N, C-alpha and C. Protein backbone atom coordinates (compact mmCIF):
# COMPACT_ATOMS: atom_id res chain seq x y z
N MET A 1 1.01 -0.73 0.41
CA MET A 1 -0.18 0.11 -0.05
C MET A 1 0.84 1.22 0.26
N ARG A 2 2.00 1.21 0.91
CA ARG A 2 3.04 2.11 0.80
C ARG A 2 3.29 2.41 -0.46
N LEU A 3 3.97 1.73 -1.34
CA LEU A 3 3.67 1.85 -2.73
C LEU A 3 3.44 2.48 -3.43
N LEU A 4 2.41 2.08 -3.66
CA LEU A 4 0.98 2.24 -4.30
C LEU A 4 1.15 3.82 -4.14
N LYS A 5 1.46 4.08 -3.01
CA LYS A 5 0.98 5.35 -2.72
C LYS A 5 1.63 6.35 -2.87
N ILE A 6 3.54 5.94 -2.96
CA ILE A 6 4.69 6.49 -3.40
C ILE A 6 4.67 6.88 -4.84
N ILE A 7 3.70 5.77 -5.40
CA ILE A 7 3.69 6.19 -6.62
C ILE A 7 2.54 7.51 -7.31
N THR A 8 1.50 6.54 -7.24
CA THR A 8 0.57 7.47 -6.92
C THR A 8 0.57 9.25 -6.59
N THR A 9 1.97 9.74 -5.90
CA THR A 9 1.89 10.37 -5.13
C THR A 9 3.21 11.52 -5.82
N LEU A 10 4.36 10.33 -6.51
CA LEU A 10 5.01 10.76 -7.78
C LEU A 10 4.30 11.07 -9.44
N PHE A 11 3.79 10.13 -9.57
CA PHE A 11 2.48 10.83 -10.82
C PHE A 11 1.58 11.48 -10.79
N ALA A 12 0.87 12.03 -10.03
CA ALA A 12 0.64 13.63 -9.65
C ALA A 12 1.08 14.34 -9.66
N PHE A 13 2.70 14.91 -8.79
CA PHE A 13 3.46 15.66 -8.66
C PHE A 13 4.00 15.67 -10.53
N SER A 14 4.54 14.68 -10.77
CA SER A 14 4.66 14.91 -12.94
C SER A 14 3.47 15.55 -13.55
N MET A 15 2.18 14.71 -13.54
CA MET A 15 2.05 15.81 -14.20
C MET A 15 1.27 17.39 -13.39
N VAL A 16 1.69 17.91 -12.20
CA VAL A 16 1.71 18.91 -11.79
C VAL A 16 3.13 19.79 -12.49
N THR A 17 3.96 19.26 -12.54
CA THR A 17 4.95 20.50 -12.99
C THR A 17 5.54 19.67 -14.48
N ALA A 18 4.61 19.10 -15.17
CA ALA A 18 5.53 18.88 -16.51
C ALA A 18 4.92 20.01 -16.98
N PRO A 19 5.88 20.50 -18.13
CA PRO A 19 5.42 21.45 -18.84
C PRO A 19 4.23 21.50 -19.95
N ALA A 20 3.75 22.67 -19.99
CA ALA A 20 1.90 22.90 -20.74
C ALA A 20 2.99 23.32 -21.89
N HIS A 21 2.37 22.58 -23.15
CA HIS A 21 2.67 22.84 -24.59
C HIS A 21 2.60 24.71 -25.10
N ALA A 22 3.38 25.61 -25.56
CA ALA A 22 3.33 26.51 -25.68
C ALA A 22 2.03 26.36 -26.94
N ALA A 23 1.26 27.69 -26.62
CA ALA A 23 0.33 28.16 -27.24
C ALA A 23 0.94 28.74 -28.59
N SER A 24 -0.40 28.43 -29.60
CA SER A 24 0.28 28.60 -30.88
C SER A 24 0.55 30.36 -31.01
N VAL A 25 1.37 30.81 -31.97
CA VAL A 25 1.02 32.46 -32.27
C VAL A 25 -0.32 33.04 -33.14
N LEU A 26 -0.57 31.18 -33.66
CA LEU A 26 -2.28 30.93 -34.82
C LEU A 26 -3.37 31.60 -33.58
N ASN A 27 -3.17 31.16 -32.53
CA ASN A 27 -4.38 31.83 -31.37
C ASN A 27 -4.35 33.01 -30.48
N GLU A 28 -2.76 33.84 -31.28
CA GLU A 28 -2.42 34.37 -30.33
C GLU A 28 -3.08 35.83 -31.54
N ILE A 29 -2.84 35.13 -32.68
CA ILE A 29 -3.71 36.32 -34.24
C ILE A 29 -4.80 36.00 -34.03
N LEU A 30 -5.70 34.76 -34.34
CA LEU A 30 -7.23 34.78 -34.70
C LEU A 30 -7.89 35.70 -32.71
N SER A 31 -6.47 35.41 -31.83
CA SER A 31 -8.15 36.09 -30.71
C SER A 31 -7.64 37.62 -30.49
N ASP A 32 -6.41 38.22 -30.52
CA ASP A 32 -6.69 39.41 -31.14
C ASP A 32 -6.68 39.96 -32.10
N GLY A 33 -6.63 39.37 -33.15
CA GLY A 33 -7.59 39.88 -34.19
C GLY A 33 -6.36 40.38 -35.25
N VAL A 34 -5.17 40.34 -35.00
CA VAL A 34 -3.73 41.43 -35.54
C VAL A 34 -2.80 40.34 -36.04
N LEU A 35 -2.67 40.32 -37.17
CA LEU A 35 -1.41 39.49 -38.00
C LEU A 35 0.17 40.84 -37.73
N LYS A 36 0.93 39.85 -37.25
CA LYS A 36 1.82 41.68 -37.47
C LYS A 36 3.29 41.20 -38.14
N VAL A 37 3.21 42.05 -39.34
CA VAL A 37 4.67 40.87 -40.34
C VAL A 37 5.50 41.88 -40.49
N GLY A 38 6.04 41.83 -40.08
CA GLY A 38 7.61 42.83 -40.09
C GLY A 38 8.24 42.52 -41.30
N THR A 39 8.88 44.42 -41.76
CA THR A 39 8.54 43.94 -43.49
C THR A 39 10.13 45.48 -43.05
N THR A 40 10.93 45.64 -44.33
CA THR A 40 12.15 46.13 -44.11
C THR A 40 11.58 47.50 -44.87
N GLY A 41 10.70 47.42 -46.24
CA GLY A 41 10.14 49.36 -46.61
C GLY A 41 11.07 48.94 -47.39
N ASP A 42 12.65 48.41 -47.76
CA ASP A 42 13.38 49.49 -48.83
C ASP A 42 13.60 47.84 -49.92
N TRP A 43 12.94 47.45 -49.76
CA TRP A 43 13.44 46.13 -51.26
C TRP A 43 11.75 46.37 -52.51
N ASN A 44 12.45 46.97 -53.15
CA ASN A 44 11.79 47.00 -54.38
C ASN A 44 11.74 45.62 -55.60
N PRO A 45 10.80 45.23 -56.00
CA PRO A 45 9.51 45.66 -55.84
C PRO A 45 8.14 44.88 -54.63
N MET A 46 9.05 44.05 -53.79
CA MET A 46 8.71 42.83 -52.34
C MET A 46 7.96 43.29 -51.60
N THR A 47 8.71 45.17 -51.09
CA THR A 47 8.53 45.55 -50.18
C THR A 47 8.95 47.33 -50.31
N MET A 48 7.88 48.76 -50.20
CA MET A 48 8.40 49.80 -50.11
C MET A 48 7.39 50.29 -49.56
N LYS A 49 8.37 51.76 -48.92
CA LYS A 49 7.77 51.79 -47.46
C LYS A 49 7.76 53.61 -47.52
N ASP A 50 6.62 54.06 -48.15
CA ASP A 50 5.95 55.35 -47.99
C ASP A 50 6.44 56.78 -47.24
N THR A 51 7.66 57.40 -47.05
CA THR A 51 7.61 58.24 -45.79
C THR A 51 6.43 58.47 -45.43
N ALA A 52 6.11 59.71 -46.50
CA ALA A 52 5.60 60.41 -46.13
C ALA A 52 3.89 60.01 -45.40
N THR A 53 3.70 59.32 -46.14
CA THR A 53 2.27 57.86 -45.45
C THR A 53 2.23 57.51 -43.89
N ASN A 54 3.81 56.62 -44.21
CA ASN A 54 3.96 56.03 -43.30
C ASN A 54 3.34 54.02 -43.91
N SER A 55 3.27 54.16 -45.00
CA SER A 55 2.33 52.62 -45.77
C SER A 55 3.39 52.27 -46.79
N TYR A 56 3.02 51.09 -46.88
CA TYR A 56 3.81 50.37 -47.96
C TYR A 56 3.27 48.88 -48.34
N THR A 57 4.06 49.45 -49.48
CA THR A 57 3.33 48.57 -50.97
C THR A 57 3.79 47.22 -51.69
N GLY A 58 3.20 46.77 -51.93
CA GLY A 58 5.12 45.67 -53.03
C GLY A 58 3.87 44.41 -52.89
N TYR A 59 5.17 43.48 -53.30
CA TYR A 59 4.69 42.34 -54.03
C TYR A 59 4.32 41.74 -52.27
N ASP A 60 5.42 41.60 -51.65
CA ASP A 60 5.44 41.14 -49.85
C ASP A 60 3.75 41.78 -48.72
N ILE A 61 3.31 43.01 -49.47
CA ILE A 61 2.79 43.98 -48.85
C ILE A 61 1.38 43.25 -49.56
N ASP A 62 0.80 42.41 -50.24
CA ASP A 62 0.11 42.18 -51.11
C ASP A 62 0.09 40.33 -50.34
N VAL A 63 1.30 39.95 -50.65
CA VAL A 63 0.71 37.92 -49.82
C VAL A 63 0.02 38.81 -48.63
N MET A 64 1.17 39.56 -47.64
CA MET A 64 0.58 39.58 -45.61
C MET A 64 -1.06 39.81 -45.49
N THR A 65 -1.22 41.10 -46.90
CA THR A 65 -2.54 41.71 -46.69
C THR A 65 -3.80 40.31 -47.12
N GLU A 66 -3.90 39.93 -48.67
CA GLU A 66 -4.40 38.82 -48.53
C GLU A 66 -4.58 37.26 -47.48
N LEU A 67 -3.26 37.39 -46.98
CA LEU A 67 -2.85 36.18 -45.69
C LEU A 67 -3.31 36.58 -44.15
N ALA A 68 -3.80 38.13 -44.34
CA ALA A 68 -4.61 38.41 -43.11
C ALA A 68 -6.34 38.42 -43.07
N LYS A 69 -6.40 39.09 -44.54
CA LYS A 69 -7.99 38.05 -44.82
C LYS A 69 -8.65 37.45 -44.39
N ASP A 70 -7.70 36.51 -45.18
CA ASP A 70 -8.11 34.83 -45.13
C ASP A 70 -8.41 34.56 -43.58
N LEU A 71 -7.37 34.78 -43.02
CA LEU A 71 -7.51 34.50 -41.68
C LEU A 71 -8.77 35.53 -40.80
N GLY A 72 -8.85 36.15 -41.54
CA GLY A 72 -10.42 37.31 -40.10
C GLY A 72 -9.44 37.79 -39.49
N VAL A 73 -8.32 38.71 -39.36
CA VAL A 73 -8.04 39.55 -39.03
C VAL A 73 -7.11 40.43 -39.85
N LYS A 74 -6.91 41.68 -39.33
CA LYS A 74 -6.30 43.32 -39.34
C LYS A 74 -4.56 42.83 -39.43
N VAL A 75 -4.19 43.36 -40.40
CA VAL A 75 -3.11 43.56 -40.78
C VAL A 75 -1.86 44.40 -40.53
N GLU A 76 -0.52 43.97 -38.98
CA GLU A 76 0.27 44.84 -39.06
C GLU A 76 1.81 45.22 -39.26
N PHE A 77 2.72 45.73 -40.28
CA PHE A 77 3.35 45.80 -40.36
C PHE A 77 4.27 46.48 -39.50
N VAL A 78 5.16 45.84 -39.46
CA VAL A 78 5.89 45.97 -37.91
C VAL A 78 7.86 46.33 -38.47
N PRO A 79 8.01 47.53 -39.19
CA PRO A 79 9.89 48.15 -39.29
C PRO A 79 9.95 47.55 -38.83
N THR A 80 11.33 46.69 -39.57
CA THR A 80 12.55 46.02 -38.99
C THR A 80 13.75 46.03 -40.53
N ASP A 81 14.64 45.86 -40.04
CA ASP A 81 15.75 45.85 -41.16
C ASP A 81 16.67 44.76 -40.72
N TRP A 82 17.02 44.59 -42.43
CA TRP A 82 17.62 43.00 -42.67
C TRP A 82 18.61 42.11 -41.45
N LYS A 83 19.88 43.15 -40.60
CA LYS A 83 20.23 42.58 -40.15
C LYS A 83 19.65 42.22 -38.06
N THR A 84 18.33 41.99 -37.92
CA THR A 84 17.27 42.16 -37.09
C THR A 84 16.38 41.19 -37.55
N LEU A 85 15.83 40.77 -38.56
CA LEU A 85 15.11 40.04 -39.31
C LEU A 85 14.17 39.00 -38.56
N VAL A 86 15.50 37.79 -37.76
CA VAL A 86 15.58 36.90 -37.24
C VAL A 86 15.18 37.32 -36.22
N SER A 87 15.74 38.18 -35.59
CA SER A 87 15.65 38.26 -34.27
C SER A 87 14.87 38.73 -33.89
N GLY A 88 13.95 39.60 -34.93
CA GLY A 88 12.16 40.24 -34.91
C GLY A 88 11.51 39.11 -34.73
N VAL A 89 11.53 37.70 -35.17
CA VAL A 89 11.05 36.47 -34.78
C VAL A 89 10.99 35.94 -34.35
N THR A 90 12.10 35.62 -33.63
CA THR A 90 12.29 34.72 -32.04
C THR A 90 12.41 35.77 -30.65
N SER A 91 12.27 36.55 -30.89
CA SER A 91 11.67 37.75 -29.57
C SER A 91 9.96 38.01 -29.16
N GLY A 92 9.95 37.46 -30.62
CA GLY A 92 7.77 37.12 -30.56
C GLY A 92 7.79 39.59 -31.04
N LYS A 93 8.10 40.02 -31.34
CA LYS A 93 8.12 41.64 -32.05
C LYS A 93 7.03 41.37 -33.27
N TYR A 94 6.91 40.04 -34.02
CA TYR A 94 6.07 40.41 -34.98
C TYR A 94 5.79 38.26 -34.97
N HIS A 95 4.78 38.04 -36.04
CA HIS A 95 5.07 37.09 -35.95
C HIS A 95 5.59 36.06 -36.59
N MET A 96 5.76 37.09 -37.74
CA MET A 96 6.21 35.90 -39.39
C MET A 96 7.12 37.30 -40.38
N THR A 97 8.00 37.61 -40.85
CA THR A 97 8.14 38.30 -41.97
C THR A 97 7.77 37.93 -43.73
N GLY A 98 8.14 39.56 -44.39
CA GLY A 98 7.76 38.47 -45.88
C GLY A 98 8.73 37.75 -46.32
N SER A 99 9.18 38.50 -47.40
CA SER A 99 9.94 37.54 -48.34
C SER A 99 11.50 37.53 -47.90
N ALA A 100 11.74 35.93 -47.22
CA ALA A 100 13.60 35.83 -47.34
C ALA A 100 13.65 34.62 -47.52
N SER A 101 15.21 35.32 -48.36
CA SER A 101 16.24 34.04 -48.64
C SER A 101 15.97 32.53 -47.73
N ILE A 102 15.75 31.57 -48.63
CA ILE A 102 16.37 30.46 -47.41
C ILE A 102 18.16 30.53 -47.37
N SER A 103 18.50 30.57 -45.95
CA SER A 103 20.07 29.95 -45.46
C SER A 103 19.46 29.00 -44.47
N PRO A 104 21.21 28.55 -44.87
CA PRO A 104 21.03 27.81 -43.32
C PRO A 104 21.17 28.40 -42.04
N SER A 105 22.26 29.55 -42.01
CA SER A 105 22.91 30.69 -41.14
C SER A 105 21.06 31.17 -40.54
N ARG A 106 19.84 31.38 -41.53
CA ARG A 106 18.71 31.64 -40.80
C ARG A 106 18.43 30.42 -39.77
N ALA A 107 18.47 30.22 -40.80
CA ALA A 107 17.18 28.30 -40.43
C ALA A 107 17.91 28.27 -38.67
N LYS A 108 19.08 28.21 -37.82
CA LYS A 108 19.20 27.87 -36.75
C LYS A 108 18.25 28.18 -35.99
N ALA A 109 18.14 29.83 -36.09
CA ALA A 109 17.02 30.34 -35.59
C ALA A 109 15.93 30.05 -35.33
N ALA A 110 15.30 30.88 -36.69
CA ALA A 110 13.78 30.54 -37.01
C ALA A 110 13.96 29.96 -38.20
N GLY A 111 12.14 29.44 -37.85
CA GLY A 111 11.67 28.67 -38.53
C GLY A 111 11.25 29.12 -40.42
N TYR A 112 11.45 28.27 -40.50
CA TYR A 112 10.59 28.97 -42.70
C TYR A 112 9.39 28.10 -43.28
N SER A 113 8.28 29.14 -43.60
CA SER A 113 7.50 28.18 -44.21
C SER A 113 7.83 27.87 -46.25
N ASN A 114 7.04 27.06 -46.45
CA ASN A 114 7.73 26.30 -47.77
C ASN A 114 8.11 27.94 -48.79
N SER A 115 8.52 27.65 -49.90
CA SER A 115 9.13 28.48 -50.63
C SER A 115 8.07 28.74 -51.57
N TYR A 116 7.34 30.53 -52.19
CA TYR A 116 6.07 29.89 -53.08
C TYR A 116 6.70 30.95 -54.02
N PHE A 117 8.38 31.32 -54.19
CA PHE A 117 8.96 32.31 -55.64
C PHE A 117 10.77 32.05 -55.34
N SER A 118 11.33 32.40 -56.39
CA SER A 118 12.77 32.25 -56.54
C SER A 118 13.88 33.89 -57.17
N LEU A 119 14.33 33.96 -56.99
CA LEU A 119 15.17 35.47 -56.97
C LEU A 119 16.20 35.35 -57.53
N ALA A 120 16.99 35.68 -57.79
CA ALA A 120 18.23 36.04 -58.63
C ALA A 120 19.27 36.90 -58.06
N THR A 121 20.64 37.34 -58.35
CA THR A 121 21.13 38.39 -58.17
C THR A 121 21.41 38.81 -59.34
N VAL A 122 21.12 39.95 -59.06
CA VAL A 122 21.51 40.66 -60.28
C VAL A 122 22.03 42.26 -59.69
N PRO A 123 23.82 42.23 -60.19
CA PRO A 123 24.29 43.89 -59.86
C PRO A 123 23.91 44.53 -60.46
N LEU A 124 23.77 46.43 -60.05
CA LEU A 124 23.68 47.18 -60.24
C LEU A 124 24.59 48.21 -60.62
N THR A 125 24.33 48.75 -61.49
CA THR A 125 25.19 50.14 -61.17
C THR A 125 25.16 50.85 -62.50
N LEU A 126 25.44 52.62 -61.83
CA LEU A 126 25.23 53.73 -62.53
C LEU A 126 25.15 53.38 -64.24
N LYS A 127 24.03 54.46 -64.94
CA LYS A 127 24.11 54.44 -66.62
C LYS A 127 24.84 54.25 -67.24
N LYS A 128 25.64 55.40 -66.81
CA LYS A 128 27.11 56.15 -67.39
C LYS A 128 27.92 55.15 -67.36
N ASN A 129 28.11 53.90 -66.09
CA ASN A 129 29.68 53.15 -66.32
C ASN A 129 28.49 51.51 -66.73
N ALA A 130 27.52 51.65 -67.48
CA ALA A 130 27.00 50.34 -68.11
C ALA A 130 27.82 49.53 -69.17
N ASP A 131 28.62 50.43 -69.93
CA ASP A 131 29.33 49.66 -70.85
C ASP A 131 30.79 48.86 -69.93
N LYS A 132 31.12 49.53 -68.89
CA LYS A 132 32.18 48.91 -68.07
C LYS A 132 32.35 47.31 -68.13
N PHE A 133 30.99 46.74 -67.29
CA PHE A 133 30.43 46.31 -66.74
C PHE A 133 29.12 45.06 -67.70
N THR A 134 30.39 43.97 -69.03
CA THR A 134 29.00 42.52 -69.40
C THR A 134 28.89 41.91 -68.75
N ASP A 135 29.69 41.44 -68.02
CA ASP A 135 29.59 39.82 -67.65
C ASP A 135 30.00 40.46 -65.55
N TRP A 136 30.00 39.71 -65.58
CA TRP A 136 30.30 38.85 -63.65
C TRP A 136 32.14 39.15 -63.55
N ALA A 137 32.50 38.38 -64.39
CA ALA A 137 33.74 38.36 -64.89
C ALA A 137 34.15 40.42 -64.22
N ASP A 138 34.25 40.73 -65.25
CA ASP A 138 34.42 42.19 -65.32
C ASP A 138 34.08 43.60 -63.97
N LEU A 139 32.84 42.68 -62.89
CA LEU A 139 33.09 43.05 -61.88
C LEU A 139 34.43 42.13 -61.03
N ASP A 140 34.59 41.31 -61.55
CA ASP A 140 35.61 40.95 -60.01
C ASP A 140 37.38 41.27 -60.37
N LYS A 141 36.87 42.57 -60.32
CA LYS A 141 38.90 43.27 -60.13
C LYS A 141 39.29 43.88 -58.89
N ALA A 142 40.23 44.39 -59.33
CA ALA A 142 40.42 45.13 -57.93
C ALA A 142 40.68 46.56 -57.40
N SER A 143 39.98 46.78 -58.56
CA SER A 143 39.76 48.67 -58.78
C SER A 143 38.09 48.51 -58.89
N VAL A 144 37.86 47.62 -58.65
CA VAL A 144 36.53 47.49 -58.32
C VAL A 144 35.53 47.39 -57.50
N THR A 145 35.26 48.53 -56.09
CA THR A 145 34.18 48.86 -55.12
C THR A 145 32.75 48.45 -55.24
N VAL A 146 32.57 46.40 -54.60
CA VAL A 146 30.49 46.28 -55.28
C VAL A 146 30.13 46.35 -53.45
N ALA A 147 29.11 47.07 -53.58
CA ALA A 147 28.37 46.18 -52.13
C ALA A 147 27.39 46.51 -51.99
N ALA A 148 26.84 45.94 -50.82
CA ALA A 148 25.84 44.75 -50.42
C ALA A 148 25.26 45.44 -48.85
N THR A 149 23.93 45.40 -49.00
CA THR A 149 23.71 45.17 -47.88
C THR A 149 23.58 44.38 -46.81
N LEU A 150 23.76 44.90 -44.91
CA LEU A 150 23.79 44.15 -44.11
C LEU A 150 23.06 43.18 -43.81
N GLY A 151 23.64 42.26 -43.50
CA GLY A 151 21.98 41.15 -42.80
C GLY A 151 21.56 40.36 -44.69
N THR A 152 22.17 41.29 -45.77
CA THR A 152 20.55 39.86 -46.90
C THR A 152 22.18 39.06 -47.18
N THR A 153 21.40 37.85 -47.32
CA THR A 153 22.29 37.46 -48.67
C THR A 153 23.53 37.64 -49.78
N GLN A 154 23.22 39.04 -50.44
CA GLN A 154 23.70 39.47 -51.08
C GLN A 154 25.06 40.05 -50.05
N GLU A 155 25.54 39.87 -48.86
CA GLU A 155 26.46 40.42 -48.20
C GLU A 155 27.51 39.28 -47.68
N LYS A 156 26.91 37.60 -48.17
CA LYS A 156 28.12 37.11 -48.20
C LYS A 156 28.51 36.39 -49.52
N GLN A 157 27.32 36.92 -50.78
CA GLN A 157 27.23 36.59 -52.66
C GLN A 157 28.95 37.25 -52.60
N VAL A 158 28.80 38.60 -52.26
CA VAL A 158 30.09 39.84 -52.81
C VAL A 158 31.34 39.07 -52.26
N LYS A 159 31.52 38.35 -51.80
CA LYS A 159 32.21 37.77 -51.31
C LYS A 159 32.79 37.09 -51.73
N GLN A 160 31.72 36.10 -52.15
CA GLN A 160 32.03 34.74 -52.81
C GLN A 160 32.60 34.77 -54.25
N PHE A 161 31.57 35.66 -54.70
CA PHE A 161 31.61 36.51 -56.70
C PHE A 161 33.08 37.07 -56.52
N PHE A 162 33.04 37.83 -56.00
CA PHE A 162 33.82 39.18 -56.47
C PHE A 162 35.51 38.98 -55.26
N PRO A 163 35.91 38.01 -55.74
CA PRO A 163 37.14 37.67 -53.98
C PRO A 163 38.23 38.54 -54.63
N ASN A 164 38.22 39.67 -55.65
CA ASN A 164 39.33 39.90 -56.01
C ASN A 164 38.53 41.39 -56.26
N ALA A 165 37.76 41.96 -55.77
CA ALA A 165 36.74 43.39 -56.38
C ALA A 165 37.29 43.77 -54.48
N LYS A 166 36.82 44.44 -54.22
CA LYS A 166 36.45 45.25 -52.97
C LYS A 166 35.38 45.91 -52.23
N TYR A 167 34.88 45.84 -51.41
CA TYR A 167 33.42 45.07 -51.17
C TYR A 167 33.04 46.29 -49.65
N LYS A 168 32.02 46.75 -49.75
CA LYS A 168 31.61 47.69 -48.95
C LYS A 168 30.58 46.92 -48.21
N ILE A 169 30.04 46.96 -47.15
CA ILE A 169 28.70 46.81 -46.38
C ILE A 169 28.00 47.81 -45.74
N VAL A 170 26.97 47.83 -46.28
CA VAL A 170 25.87 49.03 -46.13
C VAL A 170 24.84 49.20 -45.17
N GLU A 171 24.66 49.88 -44.73
CA GLU A 171 23.09 49.66 -43.39
C GLU A 171 22.36 50.01 -44.44
N ALA A 172 22.49 50.96 -45.19
CA ALA A 172 20.95 50.94 -46.66
C ALA A 172 21.16 50.42 -47.73
N PRO A 173 20.39 50.02 -49.12
CA PRO A 173 20.46 48.88 -49.67
C PRO A 173 21.89 50.15 -50.44
N ALA A 174 22.46 49.22 -51.05
CA ALA A 174 23.09 49.43 -52.29
C ALA A 174 22.24 49.86 -53.90
N ARG A 175 21.86 51.04 -53.67
CA ARG A 175 20.97 51.40 -55.34
C ARG A 175 21.66 51.53 -56.38
N ASP A 176 21.14 51.81 -57.63
CA ASP A 176 21.33 52.18 -58.83
C ASP A 176 22.82 52.73 -58.77
N PHE A 177 23.19 45.17 -66.65
CA PHE A 177 24.11 44.81 -66.43
C PHE A 177 22.63 43.21 -65.85
N GLN A 178 22.30 42.27 -66.65
CA GLN A 178 20.88 42.19 -65.99
C GLN A 178 21.57 40.96 -65.97
N ALA A 179 22.59 40.16 -65.71
CA ALA A 179 22.58 38.89 -66.26
C ALA A 179 21.93 37.97 -64.55
N PRO A 180 21.44 37.59 -64.46
CA PRO A 180 20.77 37.21 -62.69
C PRO A 180 21.97 35.68 -62.54
N LYS A 181 22.20 35.41 -61.38
CA LYS A 181 23.10 34.82 -60.72
C LYS A 181 22.54 34.01 -59.43
N ALA A 182 22.91 32.28 -59.01
CA ALA A 182 22.25 32.34 -58.06
C ALA A 182 21.00 32.10 -57.36
N PRO A 183 20.28 31.64 -58.16
CA PRO A 183 18.76 31.78 -58.02
C PRO A 183 18.92 31.10 -56.64
N THR A 184 18.34 31.39 -55.65
CA THR A 184 17.44 31.63 -54.44
C THR A 184 15.85 31.69 -54.05
N PRO A 185 15.76 30.52 -53.26
CA PRO A 185 14.56 30.33 -52.40
C PRO A 185 13.51 31.17 -52.36
N ILE A 186 13.16 32.18 -52.16
CA ILE A 186 12.40 33.35 -50.47
C ILE A 186 10.90 32.55 -50.19
N ALA A 187 10.91 32.75 -48.17
CA ALA A 187 10.00 31.93 -48.39
C ALA A 187 9.92 32.66 -46.39
N MET A 188 8.59 32.57 -46.35
CA MET A 188 8.54 33.64 -44.75
C MET A 188 9.42 33.02 -44.30
N LEU A 189 9.71 33.93 -42.88
CA LEU A 189 10.01 33.49 -41.49
C LEU A 189 9.24 33.09 -40.80
N LEU A 190 9.32 32.52 -39.80
CA LEU A 190 8.39 32.08 -38.69
C LEU A 190 8.87 31.17 -37.45
N PRO A 191 8.72 31.33 -36.22
CA PRO A 191 8.78 30.60 -34.77
C PRO A 191 9.46 29.83 -35.55
N GLN A 192 10.80 29.58 -35.04
CA GLN A 192 10.54 27.91 -35.07
C GLN A 192 9.77 26.57 -34.84
N ALA A 193 9.43 26.61 -33.44
CA ALA A 193 8.98 25.80 -32.70
C ALA A 193 7.90 25.77 -32.94
N ASP A 194 7.48 26.52 -33.71
CA ASP A 194 5.66 26.06 -33.50
C ASP A 194 5.18 26.27 -35.00
N GLN A 195 4.54 24.65 -35.00
CA GLN A 195 4.71 23.66 -35.63
C GLN A 195 3.49 24.51 -36.42
N VAL A 196 2.02 24.36 -35.38
CA VAL A 196 0.78 24.79 -35.91
C VAL A 196 0.92 25.78 -36.89
N TRP A 197 2.07 26.96 -36.24
CA TRP A 197 1.58 27.92 -37.14
C TRP A 197 2.37 27.76 -38.63
N ILE A 198 3.31 27.33 -38.60
CA ILE A 198 3.90 26.41 -39.98
C ILE A 198 3.24 25.97 -40.69
N ASN A 199 2.34 25.35 -40.32
CA ASN A 199 1.34 24.47 -41.46
C ASN A 199 0.85 25.00 -41.90
N TYR A 200 -0.17 25.76 -40.23
CA TYR A 200 -1.26 26.64 -41.46
C TYR A 200 -0.52 27.36 -42.28
N VAL A 201 0.15 27.64 -42.47
CA VAL A 201 0.80 28.78 -43.12
C VAL A 201 1.19 28.26 -44.70
N ASN A 202 1.98 26.90 -44.27
CA ASN A 202 2.05 25.78 -45.78
C ASN A 202 0.85 25.36 -46.67
N THR A 203 -0.14 25.33 -45.66
CA THR A 203 -1.11 24.92 -46.44
C THR A 203 -2.24 26.08 -47.29
N TRP A 204 -1.57 27.76 -46.51
CA TRP A 204 -2.31 28.59 -47.15
C TRP A 204 -1.65 28.98 -48.49
N ILE A 205 0.45 28.51 -48.36
CA ILE A 205 0.94 28.83 -49.93
C ILE A 205 0.21 28.09 -50.96
N ALA A 206 0.39 26.51 -50.63
CA ALA A 206 -0.19 25.34 -51.63
C ALA A 206 -2.07 25.88 -51.60
N LEU A 207 -2.94 26.58 -51.34
CA LEU A 207 -3.71 26.20 -51.45
C LEU A 207 -4.39 27.57 -52.70
N LYS A 208 -3.53 29.08 -52.06
CA LYS A 208 -3.42 30.09 -53.10
C LYS A 208 -2.45 29.75 -53.93
N THR A 209 -1.07 28.83 -54.11
CA THR A 209 -0.46 28.48 -55.15
C THR A 209 -1.28 27.89 -56.22
N GLU A 210 -2.31 26.91 -55.53
CA GLU A 210 -3.28 26.13 -56.67
C GLU A 210 -4.40 27.29 -57.11
N ARG A 211 -4.86 28.03 -57.21
CA ARG A 211 -5.63 28.92 -57.23
C ARG A 211 -5.12 30.48 -58.03
N GLY A 212 -3.98 29.88 -58.04
CA GLY A 212 -2.89 31.13 -59.37
C GLY A 212 -2.65 32.57 -58.32
N PHE A 213 -3.21 32.21 -57.05
CA PHE A 213 -2.52 33.31 -56.15
C PHE A 213 -1.10 34.32 -56.98
N PHE A 214 -0.33 33.54 -56.49
CA PHE A 214 1.30 34.07 -57.46
C PHE A 214 1.83 33.98 -57.88
N ALA A 215 0.78 32.99 -58.89
CA ALA A 215 1.46 33.46 -60.48
C ALA A 215 0.85 35.06 -60.65
N ASP A 216 -0.11 35.45 -61.13
CA ASP A 216 -1.23 36.87 -60.82
C ASP A 216 -0.50 37.78 -60.24
N LEU A 217 0.41 37.84 -59.17
CA LEU A 217 1.27 38.89 -58.29
C LEU A 217 1.81 38.43 -59.09
N GLY A 218 2.40 37.51 -59.47
CA GLY A 218 4.20 37.95 -60.39
C GLY A 218 3.42 38.34 -61.10
N ARG A 219 2.93 38.52 -61.59
CA ARG A 219 2.89 39.58 -63.36
C ARG A 219 1.60 40.50 -63.29
N LYS A 220 1.65 41.10 -61.92
CA LYS A 220 1.22 42.16 -60.88
C LYS A 220 2.53 43.64 -60.85
N TRP A 221 3.13 42.75 -60.22
CA TRP A 221 4.90 43.21 -59.96
C TRP A 221 5.95 43.16 -61.10
N GLN A 222 5.52 42.06 -62.09
CA GLN A 222 6.34 41.76 -62.78
C GLN A 222 7.33 41.73 -62.94
N LEU A 223 7.17 40.29 -62.11
CA LEU A 223 8.16 39.58 -61.59
C LEU A 223 7.78 38.06 -62.96
N ALA A 224 9.24 37.11 -62.43
CA ALA A 224 9.16 36.08 -63.40
C ALA A 224 8.19 34.80 -62.09
N ASN A 225 7.63 34.01 -62.22
CA ASN A 225 7.44 33.44 -61.09
C ASN A 225 7.93 31.93 -61.80
């Protein structure tokens, strides 16, 4: 009888102290009626911020607006930048991000949705310098300085593609030869351990793909799809 009592007590204790499964942010979104999306506002045509109106436009913005509509909630765009894009998800500052290139380093800390689009890297230069650069090799010279934005996939690519060139990593995007390189799938960054939310978003992506949503959006923003 004493042994049975000890076992019963231990079982009851384990039931009390066992950690409860964390609720999915999907429940939080539905309860609060708001989908919070991290976006940089500096990536034309994916996400562009109008500082005068504090509003956003772009491919990503249309995607997230549609997702919020199907969830039956409002969408709130939370300003972020590339170097803090992942930490914004992991800290709970926002529920997800817009498009982000898939990379092993980001996947160490955050989860990804299924990919719904692929992009390639294209160098940009001033129009007056266009004749100097007819292919990628023309950029890989000691006399050339190549810029990329801090925290982006391109930050690593400039060092990989142009080992002989100088490179500058800048806080703001490098602005203004159209030969794409390194096709990269993009997806939404999500909380890594929240499989319920990831499953929902992946199901939504699959349905929208079948119904032609992403193809139509690609044509609207003049993107290959």
